[in-house]
Amino acid sequence: MGFRLPRIVKAKSLKQTLSFSEKKVVPKGHFVVYVGEADEKKRFISPISFLNHPSFQKLLSEAEEEYGFNHPMGALTIPCSEEGFLDLIDSFQSS
């Protein structure tokens, strides 16, 4: 069983660049997405270009099935783990 230390370090730096828990300002060309399950949601600011990726569009379809268009968060919410979201984002940037 090997360690994925470089990947873990990369994921942490990616999380720092995508996640702004304290700031409310969303930069131009970005959107807010809440990621997580149940009450464990984290706020990410993601580039609009993510919306063009088929994998992200699949997540949006799953979110629609889970929450519909009227849900209490009032924002785009994706029902997946934070780690799963970071893995998906990592795949966007490596392709």
PDB file of N, CA and C in Angstrom:
ATOM      1  N   MET A   1       0.842  -1.171   0.000  1.00  0.00           N
ATOM      2  CA  MET A   1       0.000   0.000   0.000  1.00  0.00           C
ATOM      3  C   MET A   1       0.889   1.235   0.000  1.00  0.00           C
ATOM      4  N   GLY A   2       0.762   2.045  -1.016  1.00  0.00           N
ATOM      5  CA  GLY A   2       1.602   3.228  -1.143  1.00  0.00           C
ATOM      6  C   GLY A   2       0.882   4.481  -0.684  1.00  0.00           C
ATOM      7  N   PHE A   3       1.662   5.476  -0.384  1.00  0.00           N
ATOM      8  CA  PHE A   3       1.104   6.764   0.013  1.00  0.00           C
ATOM      9  C   PHE A   3       0.996   7.672  -1.198  1.00  0.00           C
ATOM     10  N   ARG A   4       0.025   8.535  -1.179  1.00  0.00           N
ATOM     11  CA  ARG A   4      -0.171   9.489  -2.261  1.00  0.00           C
ATOM     12  C   ARG A   4       0.158  10.888  -1.760  1.00  0.00           C
ATOM     13  N   LEU A   5       1.327  11.044  -1.153  1.00  0.00           N
ATOM     14  CA  LEU A   5       1.685  12.320  -0.550  1.00  0.00           C
ATOM     15  C   LEU A   5       1.663  13.477  -1.541  1.00  0.00           C
ATOM     16  N   PRO A   6       2.273  13.347  -2.738  1.00  0.00           N
ATOM     17  CA  PRO A   6       2.212  14.484  -3.666  1.00  0.00           C
ATOM     18  C   PRO A   6       0.772  14.870  -4.014  1.00  0.00           C
ATOM     19  N   ARG A   7      -0.083  13.874  -4.158  1.00  0.00           N
ATOM     20  CA  ARG A   7      -1.479  14.142  -4.492  1.00  0.00           C
ATOM     21  C   ARG A   7      -2.188  14.819  -3.323  1.00  0.00           C
ATOM     22  N   ILE A   8      -1.873  14.401  -2.100  1.00  0.00           N
ATOM     23  CA  ILE A   8      -2.476  15.015  -0.920  1.00  0.00           C
ATOM     24  C   ILE A   8      -2.051  16.471  -0.812  1.00  0.00           C
ATOM     25  N   VAL A   9      -0.770  16.739  -1.021  1.00  0.00           N
ATOM     26  CA  VAL A   9      -0.266  18.113  -0.964  1.00  0.00           C
ATOM     27  C   VAL A   9      -0.935  18.952  -2.044  1.00  0.00           C
ATOM     28  N   LYS A  10      -1.057  18.387  -3.258  1.00  0.00           N
ATOM     29  CA  LYS A  10      -1.700  19.110  -4.358  1.00  0.00           C
ATOM     30  C   LYS A  10      -3.166  19.399  -4.029  1.00  0.00           C
ATOM     31  N   ALA A  11      -3.853  18.419  -3.446  1.00  0.00           N
ATOM     32  CA  ALA A  11      -5.259  18.607  -3.087  1.00  0.00           C
ATOM     33  C   ALA A  11      -5.415  19.698  -2.035  1.00  0.00           C
ATOM     34  N   LYS A  12      -4.486  19.747  -1.071  1.00  0.00           N
ATOM     35  CA  LYS A  12      -4.560  20.788  -0.044  1.00  0.00           C
ATOM     36  C   LYS A  12      -4.361  22.170  -0.652  1.00  0.00           C
ATOM     37  N   SER A  13      -3.399  22.299  -1.572  1.00  0.00           N
ATOM     38  CA  SER A  13      -3.186  23.612  -2.185  1.00  0.00           C
ATOM     39  C   SER A  13      -4.369  23.978  -3.076  1.00  0.00           C
ATOM     40  N   LEU A  14      -4.941  22.988  -3.758  1.00  0.00           N
ATOM     41  CA  LEU A  14      -6.122  23.223  -4.582  1.00  0.00           C
ATOM     42  C   LEU A  14      -7.281  23.676  -3.705  1.00  0.00           C
ATOM     43  N   LYS A  15      -7.436  23.035  -2.554  1.00  0.00           N
ATOM     44  CA  LYS A  15      -8.507  23.403  -1.641  1.00  0.00           C
ATOM     45  C   LYS A  15      -8.329  24.843  -1.173  1.00  0.00           C
ATOM     46  N   GLN A  16      -7.092  25.233  -0.910  1.00  0.00           N
ATOM     47  CA  GLN A  16      -6.845  26.594  -0.449  1.00  0.00           C
ATOM     48  C   GLN A  16      -7.180  27.610  -1.531  1.00  0.00           C
ATOM     49  N   THR A  17      -6.920  27.279  -2.792  1.00  0.00           N
ATOM     50  CA  THR A  17      -7.201  28.239  -3.854  1.00  0.00           C
ATOM     51  C   THR A  17      -8.681  28.272  -4.213  1.00  0.00           C
ATOM     52  N   LEU A  18      -9.384  27.144  -4.056  1.00  0.00           N
ATOM     53  CA  LEU A  18     -10.793  27.100  -4.430  1.00  0.00           C
ATOM     54  C   LEU A  18     -11.729  27.469  -3.284  1.00  0.00           C
ATOM     55  N   SER A  19     -11.288  27.273  -2.067  1.00  0.00           N
ATOM     56  CA  SER A  19     -12.173  27.437  -0.923  1.00  0.00           C
ATOM     57  C   SER A  19     -11.912  28.761  -0.213  1.00  0.00           C
ATOM     58  N   PHE A  20     -12.946  29.550  -0.078  1.00  0.00           N
ATOM     59  CA  PHE A  20     -12.854  30.818   0.640  1.00  0.00           C
ATOM     60  C   PHE A  20     -13.955  30.822   1.690  1.00  0.00           C
ATOM     61  N   SER A  21     -13.695  30.247   2.836  1.00  0.00           N
ATOM     62  CA  SER A  21     -14.752  30.121   3.838  1.00  0.00           C
ATOM     63  C   SER A  21     -15.112  31.457   4.472  1.00  0.00           C
ATOM     64  N   GLU A  22     -14.177  32.380   4.565  1.00  0.00           N
ATOM     65  CA  GLU A  22     -14.429  33.648   5.235  1.00  0.00           C
ATOM     66  C   GLU A  22     -14.899  34.738   4.263  1.00  0.00           C
ATOM     67  N   LYS A  23     -14.422  34.707   3.038  1.00  0.00           N
ATOM     68  CA  LYS A  23     -14.705  35.782   2.090  1.00  0.00           C
ATOM     69  C   LYS A  23     -16.055  35.571   1.416  1.00  0.00           C
ATOM     70  N   LYS A  24     -16.775  36.647   1.229  1.00  0.00           N
ATOM     71  CA  LYS A  24     -18.085  36.580   0.588  1.00  0.00           C
ATOM     72  C   LYS A  24     -18.042  37.038  -0.866  1.00  0.00           C
ATOM     73  N   VAL A  25     -16.949  37.652  -1.295  1.00  0.00           N
ATOM     74  CA  VAL A  25     -16.833  38.174  -2.647  1.00  0.00           C
ATOM     75  C   VAL A  25     -16.455  37.035  -3.593  1.00  0.00           C
ATOM     76  N   VAL A  26     -17.190  36.937  -4.685  1.00  0.00           N
ATOM     77  CA  VAL A  26     -16.898  35.925  -5.697  1.00  0.00           C
ATOM     78  C   VAL A  26     -16.247  36.632  -6.871  1.00  0.00           C
ATOM     79  N   PRO A  27     -15.022  36.221  -7.237  1.00  0.00           N
ATOM     80  CA  PRO A  27     -14.332  36.877  -8.349  1.00  0.00           C
ATOM     81  C   PRO A  27     -15.099  36.706  -9.665  1.00  0.00           C
ATOM     82  N   LYS A  28     -14.919  37.647 -10.548  1.00  0.00           N
ATOM     83  CA  LYS A  28     -15.537  37.585 -11.870  1.00  0.00           C
ATOM     84  C   LYS A  28     -15.103  36.293 -12.558  1.00  0.00           C
ATOM     85  N   GLY A  29     -16.051  35.616 -13.206  1.00  0.00           N
ATOM     86  CA  GLY A  29     -15.750  34.378 -13.906  1.00  0.00           C
ATOM     87  C   GLY A  29     -15.779  33.147 -13.010  1.00  0.00           C
ATOM     88  N   HIS A  30     -16.311  33.276 -11.807  1.00  0.00           N
ATOM     89  CA  HIS A  30     -16.388  32.174 -10.853  1.00  0.00           C
ATOM     90  C   HIS A  30     -17.804  32.069 -10.294  1.00  0.00           C
ATOM     91  N   PHE A  31     -18.097  30.943  -9.658  1.00  0.00           N
ATOM     92  CA  PHE A  31     -19.383  30.750  -9.004  1.00  0.00           C
ATOM     93  C   PHE A  31     -19.165  29.976  -7.710  1.00  0.00           C
ATOM     94  N   VAL A  32     -20.134  30.082  -6.816  1.00  0.00           N
ATOM     95  CA  VAL A  32     -20.057  29.390  -5.533  1.00  0.00           C
ATOM     96  C   VAL A  32     -20.780  28.059  -5.644  1.00  0.00           C
ATOM     97  N   VAL A  33     -20.177  27.040  -5.086  1.00  0.00           N
ATOM     98  CA  VAL A  33     -20.809  25.728  -5.002  1.00  0.00           C
ATOM     99  C   VAL A  33     -20.566  25.191  -3.593  1.00  0.00           C
ATOM    100  N   TYR A  34     -21.614  24.632  -3.006  1.00  0.00           N
ATOM    101  CA  TYR A  34     -21.494  23.989  -1.696  1.00  0.00           C
ATOM    102  C   TYR A  34     -21.376  22.496  -1.934  1.00  0.00           C
ATOM    103  N   VAL A  35     -20.383  21.890  -1.318  1.00  0.00           N
ATOM    104  CA  VAL A  35     -20.087  20.478  -1.535  1.00  0.00           C
ATOM    105  C   VAL A  35     -20.146  19.763  -0.198  1.00  0.00           C
ATOM    106  N   GLY A  36     -20.786  18.624  -0.192  1.00  0.00           N
ATOM    107  CA  GLY A  36     -20.821  17.818   1.017  1.00  0.00           C
ATOM    108  C   GLY A  36     -22.149  17.119   1.175  1.00  0.00           C
ATOM    109  N   GLU A  37     -22.210  16.338   2.216  1.00  0.00           N
ATOM    110  CA  GLU A  37     -23.409  15.574   2.499  1.00  0.00           C
ATOM    111  C   GLU A  37     -23.971  16.007   3.845  1.00  0.00           C
ATOM    112  N   ALA A  38     -25.271  15.970   3.979  1.00  0.00           N
ATOM    113  CA  ALA A  38     -25.988  16.341   5.212  1.00  0.00           C
ATOM    114  C   ALA A  38     -25.608  17.754   5.649  1.00  0.00           C
ATOM    115  N   ASP A  39     -25.186  17.916   6.887  1.00  0.00           N
ATOM    116  CA  ASP A  39     -24.860  19.241   7.421  1.00  0.00           C
ATOM    117  C   ASP A  39     -23.379  19.574   7.309  1.00  0.00           C
ATOM    118  N   GLU A  40     -22.621  18.761   6.617  1.00  0.00           N
ATOM    119  CA  GLU A  40     -21.171  18.947   6.488  1.00  0.00           C
ATOM    120  C   GLU A  40     -20.823  19.549   5.131  1.00  0.00           C
ATOM    121  N   LYS A  41     -21.334  20.713   4.830  1.00  0.00           N
ATOM    122  CA  LYS A  41     -21.090  21.323   3.520  1.00  0.00           C
ATOM    123  C   LYS A  41     -19.975  22.359   3.600  1.00  0.00           C
ATOM    124  N   LYS A  42     -19.127  22.373   2.559  1.00  0.00           N
ATOM    125  CA  LYS A  42     -18.053  23.361   2.459  1.00  0.00           C
ATOM    126  C   LYS A  42     -18.316  24.222   1.233  1.00  0.00           C
ATOM    127  N   ARG A  43     -17.934  25.475   1.329  1.00  0.00           N
ATOM    128  CA  ARG A  43     -18.144  26.441   0.246  1.00  0.00           C
ATOM    129  C   ARG A  43     -16.888  26.509  -0.612  1.00  0.00           C
ATOM    130  N   PHE A  44     -17.067  26.344  -1.922  1.00  0.00           N
ATOM    131  CA  PHE A  44     -15.972  26.450  -2.873  1.00  0.00           C
ATOM    132  C   PHE A  44     -16.316  27.519  -3.897  1.00  0.00           C
ATOM    133  N   ILE A  45     -15.311  28.233  -4.324  1.00  0.00           N
ATOM    134  CA  ILE A  45     -15.459  29.174  -5.428  1.00  0.00           C
ATOM    135  C   ILE A  45     -14.725  28.549  -6.608  1.00  0.00           C
ATOM    136  N   SER A  46     -15.475  28.268  -7.652  1.00  0.00           N
ATOM    137  CA  SER A  46     -14.951  27.520  -8.791  1.00  0.00           C
ATOM    138  C   SER A  46     -15.055  28.341 -10.064  1.00  0.00           C
ATOM    139  N   PRO A  47     -14.127  28.124 -11.002  1.00  0.00           N
ATOM    140  CA  PRO A  47     -14.215  28.839 -12.280  1.00  0.00           C
ATOM    141  C   PRO A  47     -15.428  28.376 -13.092  1.00  0.00           C
ATOM    142  N   ILE A  48     -16.009  29.280 -13.825  1.00  0.00           N
ATOM    143  CA  ILE A  48     -17.177  28.957 -14.643  1.00  0.00           C
ATOM    144  C   ILE A  48     -16.854  27.875 -15.677  1.00  0.00           C
ATOM    145  N   SER A  49     -15.604  27.764 -16.073  1.00  0.00           N
ATOM    146  CA  SER A  49     -15.217  26.748 -17.061  1.00  0.00           C
ATOM    147  C   SER A  49     -15.557  25.333 -16.597  1.00  0.00           C
ATOM    148  N   PHE A  50     -15.673  25.113 -15.283  1.00  0.00           N
ATOM    149  CA  PHE A  50     -16.048  23.787 -14.775  1.00  0.00           C
ATOM    150  C   PHE A  50     -17.417  23.366 -15.297  1.00  0.00           C
ATOM    151  N   LEU A  51     -18.279  24.329 -15.576  1.00  0.00           N
ATOM    152  CA  LEU A  51     -19.634  24.012 -16.026  1.00  0.00           C
ATOM    153  C   LEU A  51     -19.655  23.315 -17.382  1.00  0.00           C
ATOM    154  N   ASN A  52     -18.563  23.408 -18.143  1.00  0.00           N
ATOM    155  CA  ASN A  52     -18.489  22.763 -19.456  1.00  0.00           C
ATOM    156  C   ASN A  52     -18.061  21.308 -19.387  1.00  0.00           C
ATOM    157  N   HIS A  53     -17.534  20.859 -18.265  1.00  0.00           N
ATOM    158  CA  HIS A  53     -17.042  19.487 -18.146  1.00  0.00           C
ATOM    159  C   HIS A  53     -18.208  18.515 -17.966  1.00  0.00           C
ATOM    160  N   PRO A  54     -18.232  17.440 -18.771  1.00  0.00           N
ATOM    161  CA  PRO A  54     -19.313  16.452 -18.655  1.00  0.00           C
ATOM    162  C   PRO A  54     -19.430  15.855 -17.249  1.00  0.00           C
ATOM    163  N   SER A  55     -18.317  15.639 -16.574  1.00  0.00           N
ATOM    164  CA  SER A  55     -18.363  15.073 -15.220  1.00  0.00           C
ATOM    165  C   SER A  55     -19.041  16.031 -14.248  1.00  0.00           C
ATOM    166  N   PHE A  56     -18.775  17.311 -14.402  1.00  0.00           N
ATOM    167  CA  PHE A  56     -19.408  18.305 -13.534  1.00  0.00           C
ATOM    168  C   PHE A  56     -20.900  18.396 -13.855  1.00  0.00           C
ATOM    169  N   GLN A  57     -21.236  18.307 -15.132  1.00  0.00           N
ATOM    170  CA  GLN A  57     -22.639  18.341 -15.530  1.00  0.00           C
ATOM    171  C   GLN A  57     -23.399  17.145 -14.960  1.00  0.00           C
ATOM    172  N   LYS A  58     -22.707  16.003 -14.882  1.00  0.00           N
ATOM    173  CA  LYS A  58     -23.322  14.814 -14.272  1.00  0.00           C
ATOM    174  C   LYS A  58     -23.599  15.072 -12.790  1.00  0.00           C
ATOM    175  N   LEU A  59     -22.643  15.695 -12.105  1.00  0.00           N
ATOM    176  CA  LEU A  59     -22.855  16.049 -10.696  1.00  0.00           C
ATOM    177  C   LEU A  59     -24.049  16.990 -10.540  1.00  0.00           C
ATOM    178  N   LEU A  60     -24.186  17.928 -11.456  1.00  0.00           N
ATOM    179  CA  LEU A  60     -25.322  18.855 -11.407  1.00  0.00           C
ATOM    180  C   LEU A  60     -26.649  18.112 -11.578  1.00  0.00           C
ATOM    181  N   SER A  61     -26.658  17.114 -12.462  1.00  0.00           N
ATOM    182  CA  SER A  61     -27.874  16.309 -12.645  1.00  0.00           C
ATOM    183  C   SER A  61     -28.214  15.544 -11.370  1.00  0.00           C
ATOM    184  N   GLU A  62     -27.175  15.006 -10.715  1.00  0.00           N
ATOM    185  CA  GLU A  62     -27.390  14.297  -9.451  1.00  0.00           C
ATOM    186  C   GLU A  62     -27.903  15.257  -8.377  1.00  0.00           C
ATOM    187  N   ALA A  63     -27.377  16.474  -8.382  1.00  0.00           N
ATOM    188  CA  ALA A  63     -27.837  17.478  -7.415  1.00  0.00           C
ATOM    189  C   ALA A  63     -29.306  17.821  -7.662  1.00  0.00           C
ATOM    190  N   GLU A  64     -29.676  17.907  -8.930  1.00  0.00           N
ATOM    191  CA  GLU A  64     -31.077  18.192  -9.261  1.00  0.00           C
ATOM    192  C   GLU A  64     -31.981  17.074  -8.751  1.00  0.00           C
ATOM    193  N   GLU A  65     -31.542  15.811  -8.935  1.00  0.00           N
ATOM    194  CA  GLU A  65     -32.328  14.680  -8.445  1.00  0.00           C
ATOM    195  C   GLU A  65     -32.437  14.702  -6.922  1.00  0.00           C
ATOM    196  N   GLU A  66     -31.345  15.059  -6.258  1.00  0.00           N
ATOM    197  CA  GLU A  66     -31.299  15.065  -4.790  1.00  0.00           C
ATOM    198  C   GLU A  66     -32.095  16.220  -4.191  1.00  0.00           C
ATOM    199  N   TYR A  67     -31.900  17.420  -4.716  1.00  0.00           N
ATOM    200  CA  TYR A  67     -32.459  18.620  -4.101  1.00  0.00           C
ATOM    201  C   TYR A  67     -33.553  19.301  -4.912  1.00  0.00           C
ATOM    202  N   GLY A  68     -33.653  19.011  -6.198  1.00  0.00           N
ATOM    203  CA  GLY A  68     -34.570  19.756  -7.044  1.00  0.00           C
ATOM    204  C   GLY A  68     -34.035  21.163  -7.230  1.00  0.00           C
ATOM    205  N   PHE A  69     -34.899  22.087  -7.555  1.00  0.00           N
ATOM    206  CA  PHE A  69     -34.453  23.465  -7.745  1.00  0.00           C
ATOM    207  C   PHE A  69     -34.821  24.357  -6.567  1.00  0.00           C
ATOM    208  N   ASN A  70     -35.533  23.817  -5.608  1.00  0.00           N
ATOM    209  CA  ASN A  70     -35.950  24.602  -4.452  1.00  0.00           C
ATOM    210  C   ASN A  70     -35.457  23.891  -3.193  1.00  0.00           C
ATOM    211  N   HIS A  71     -34.328  24.325  -2.685  1.00  0.00           N
ATOM    212  CA  HIS A  71     -33.786  23.699  -1.480  1.00  0.00           C
ATOM    213  C   HIS A  71     -33.301  24.763  -0.510  1.00  0.00           C
ATOM    214  N   PRO A  72     -33.143  24.415   0.759  1.00  0.00           N
ATOM    215  CA  PRO A  72     -32.889  25.417   1.800  1.00  0.00           C
ATOM    216  C   PRO A  72     -31.579  26.186   1.682  1.00  0.00           C
ATOM    217  N   MET A  73     -30.562  25.638   1.056  1.00  0.00           N
ATOM    218  CA  MET A  73     -29.280  26.344   0.966  1.00  0.00           C
ATOM    219  C   MET A  73     -29.407  27.605   0.113  1.00  0.00           C
ATOM    220  N   GLY A  74     -30.280  27.577  -0.885  1.00  0.00           N
ATOM    221  CA  GLY A  74     -30.448  28.739  -1.740  1.00  0.00           C
ATOM    222  C   GLY A  74     -29.294  28.955  -2.694  1.00  0.00           C
ATOM    223  N   ALA A  75     -28.407  27.999  -2.805  1.00  0.00           N
ATOM    224  CA  ALA A  75     -27.242  28.103  -3.684  1.00  0.00           C
ATOM    225  C   ALA A  75     -26.999  26.744  -4.325  1.00  0.00           C
ATOM    226  N   LEU A  76     -26.102  26.720  -5.281  1.00  0.00           N
ATOM    227  CA  LEU A  76     -25.758  25.473  -5.947  1.00  0.00           C
ATOM    228  C   LEU A  76     -25.118  24.531  -4.931  1.00  0.00           C
ATOM    229  N   THR A  77     -25.736  23.374  -4.726  1.00  0.00           N
ATOM    230  CA  THR A  77     -25.260  22.400  -3.747  1.00  0.00           C
ATOM    231  C   THR A  77     -25.071  21.063  -4.435  1.00  0.00           C
ATOM    232  N   ILE A  78     -23.918  20.453  -4.215  1.00  0.00           N
ATOM    233  CA  ILE A  78     -23.602  19.172  -4.839  1.00  0.00           C
ATOM    234  C   ILE A  78     -23.466  18.115  -3.751  1.00  0.00           C
ATOM    235  N   PRO A  79     -24.251  17.030  -3.852  1.00  0.00           N
ATOM    236  CA  PRO A  79     -24.236  15.992  -2.826  1.00  0.00           C
ATOM    237  C   PRO A  79     -23.131  14.957  -3.046  1.00  0.00           C
ATOM    238  N   CYS A  80     -21.897  15.355  -2.821  1.00  0.00           N
ATOM    239  CA  CYS A  80     -20.790  14.405  -2.878  1.00  0.00           C
ATOM    240  C   CYS A  80     -19.803  14.780  -1.783  1.00  0.00           C
ATOM    241  N   SER A  81     -18.868  13.898  -1.524  1.00  0.00           N
ATOM    242  CA  SER A  81     -17.884  14.194  -0.484  1.00  0.00           C
ATOM    243  C   SER A  81     -16.921  15.274  -0.968  1.00  0.00           C
ATOM    244  N   GLU A  82     -16.329  15.958  -0.018  1.00  0.00           N
ATOM    245  CA  GLU A  82     -15.337  16.980  -0.361  1.00  0.00           C
ATOM    246  C   GLU A  82     -14.172  16.342  -1.117  1.00  0.00           C
ATOM    247  N   GLU A  83     -13.752  15.164  -0.658  1.00  0.00           N
ATOM    248  CA  GLU A  83     -12.646  14.462  -1.317  1.00  0.00           C
ATOM    249  C   GLU A  83     -13.013  14.095  -2.751  1.00  0.00           C
ATOM    250  N   GLY A  84     -14.242  13.632  -2.962  1.00  0.00           N
ATOM    251  CA  GLY A  84     -14.693  13.301  -4.307  1.00  0.00           C
ATOM    252  C   GLY A  84     -14.703  14.511  -5.224  1.00  0.00           C
ATOM    253  N   PHE A  85     -15.133  15.658  -4.693  1.00  0.00           N
ATOM    254  CA  PHE A  85     -15.142  16.898  -5.466  1.00  0.00           C
ATOM    255  C   PHE A  85     -13.717  17.313  -5.822  1.00  0.00           C
ATOM    256  N   LEU A  86     -12.807  17.238  -4.857  1.00  0.00           N
ATOM    257  CA  LEU A  86     -11.408  17.603  -5.121  1.00  0.00           C
ATOM    258  C   LEU A  86     -10.779  16.663  -6.147  1.00  0.00           C
ATOM    259  N   ASP A  87     -11.132  15.369  -6.089  1.00  0.00           N
ATOM    260  CA  ASP A  87     -10.639  14.419  -7.093  1.00  0.00           C
ATOM    261  C   ASP A  87     -11.141  14.801  -8.483  1.00  0.00           C
ATOM    262  N   LEU A  88     -12.410  15.178  -8.563  1.00  0.00           N
ATOM    263  CA  LEU A  88     -12.992  15.579  -9.844  1.00  0.00           C
ATOM    264  C   LEU A  88     -12.295  16.821 -10.389  1.00  0.00           C
ATOM    265  N   ILE A  89     -12.084  17.811  -9.540  1.00  0.00           N
ATOM    266  CA  ILE A  89     -11.414  19.043  -9.953  1.00  0.00           C
ATOM    267  C   ILE A  89      -9.986  18.752 -10.382  1.00  0.00           C
ATOM    268  N   ASP A  90      -9.333  17.854  -9.664  1.00  0.00           N
ATOM    269  CA  ASP A  90      -7.968  17.461 -10.012  1.00  0.00           C
ATOM    270  C   ASP A  90      -7.936  16.841 -11.407  1.00  0.00           C
ATOM    271  N   SER A  91      -8.956  16.041 -11.737  1.00  0.00           N
ATOM    272  CA  SER A  91      -8.999  15.423 -13.069  1.00  0.00           C
ATOM    273  C   SER A  91      -9.213  16.474 -14.160  1.00  0.00           C
ATOM    274  N   PHE A  92      -9.942  17.560 -13.867  1.00  0.00           N
ATOM    275  CA  PHE A  92     -10.121  18.642 -14.836  1.00  0.00           C
ATOM    276  C   PHE A  92      -8.785  19.293 -15.149  1.00  0.00           C
ATOM    277  N   GLN A  93      -8.003  19.520 -14.120  1.00  0.00           N
ATOM    278  CA  GLN A  93      -6.759  20.258 -14.278  1.00  0.00           C
ATOM    279  C   GLN A  93      -5.644  19.409 -14.864  1.00  0.00           C
ATOM    280  N   SER A  94      -5.749  18.072 -14.753  1.00  0.00           N
ATOM    281  CA  SER A  94      -4.698  17.221 -15.306  1.00  0.00           C
ATOM    282  C   SER A  94      -4.988  16.823 -16.749  1.00  0.00           C
ATOM    283  N   SER A  95      -6.218  17.087 -17.227  1.00  0.00           N
ATOM    284  CA  SER A  95      -6.541  16.721 -18.620  1.00  0.00           C
ATOM    285  C   SER A  95      -6.341  17.867 -19.568  1.00  0.00           C
TER     286      SER A  95
END
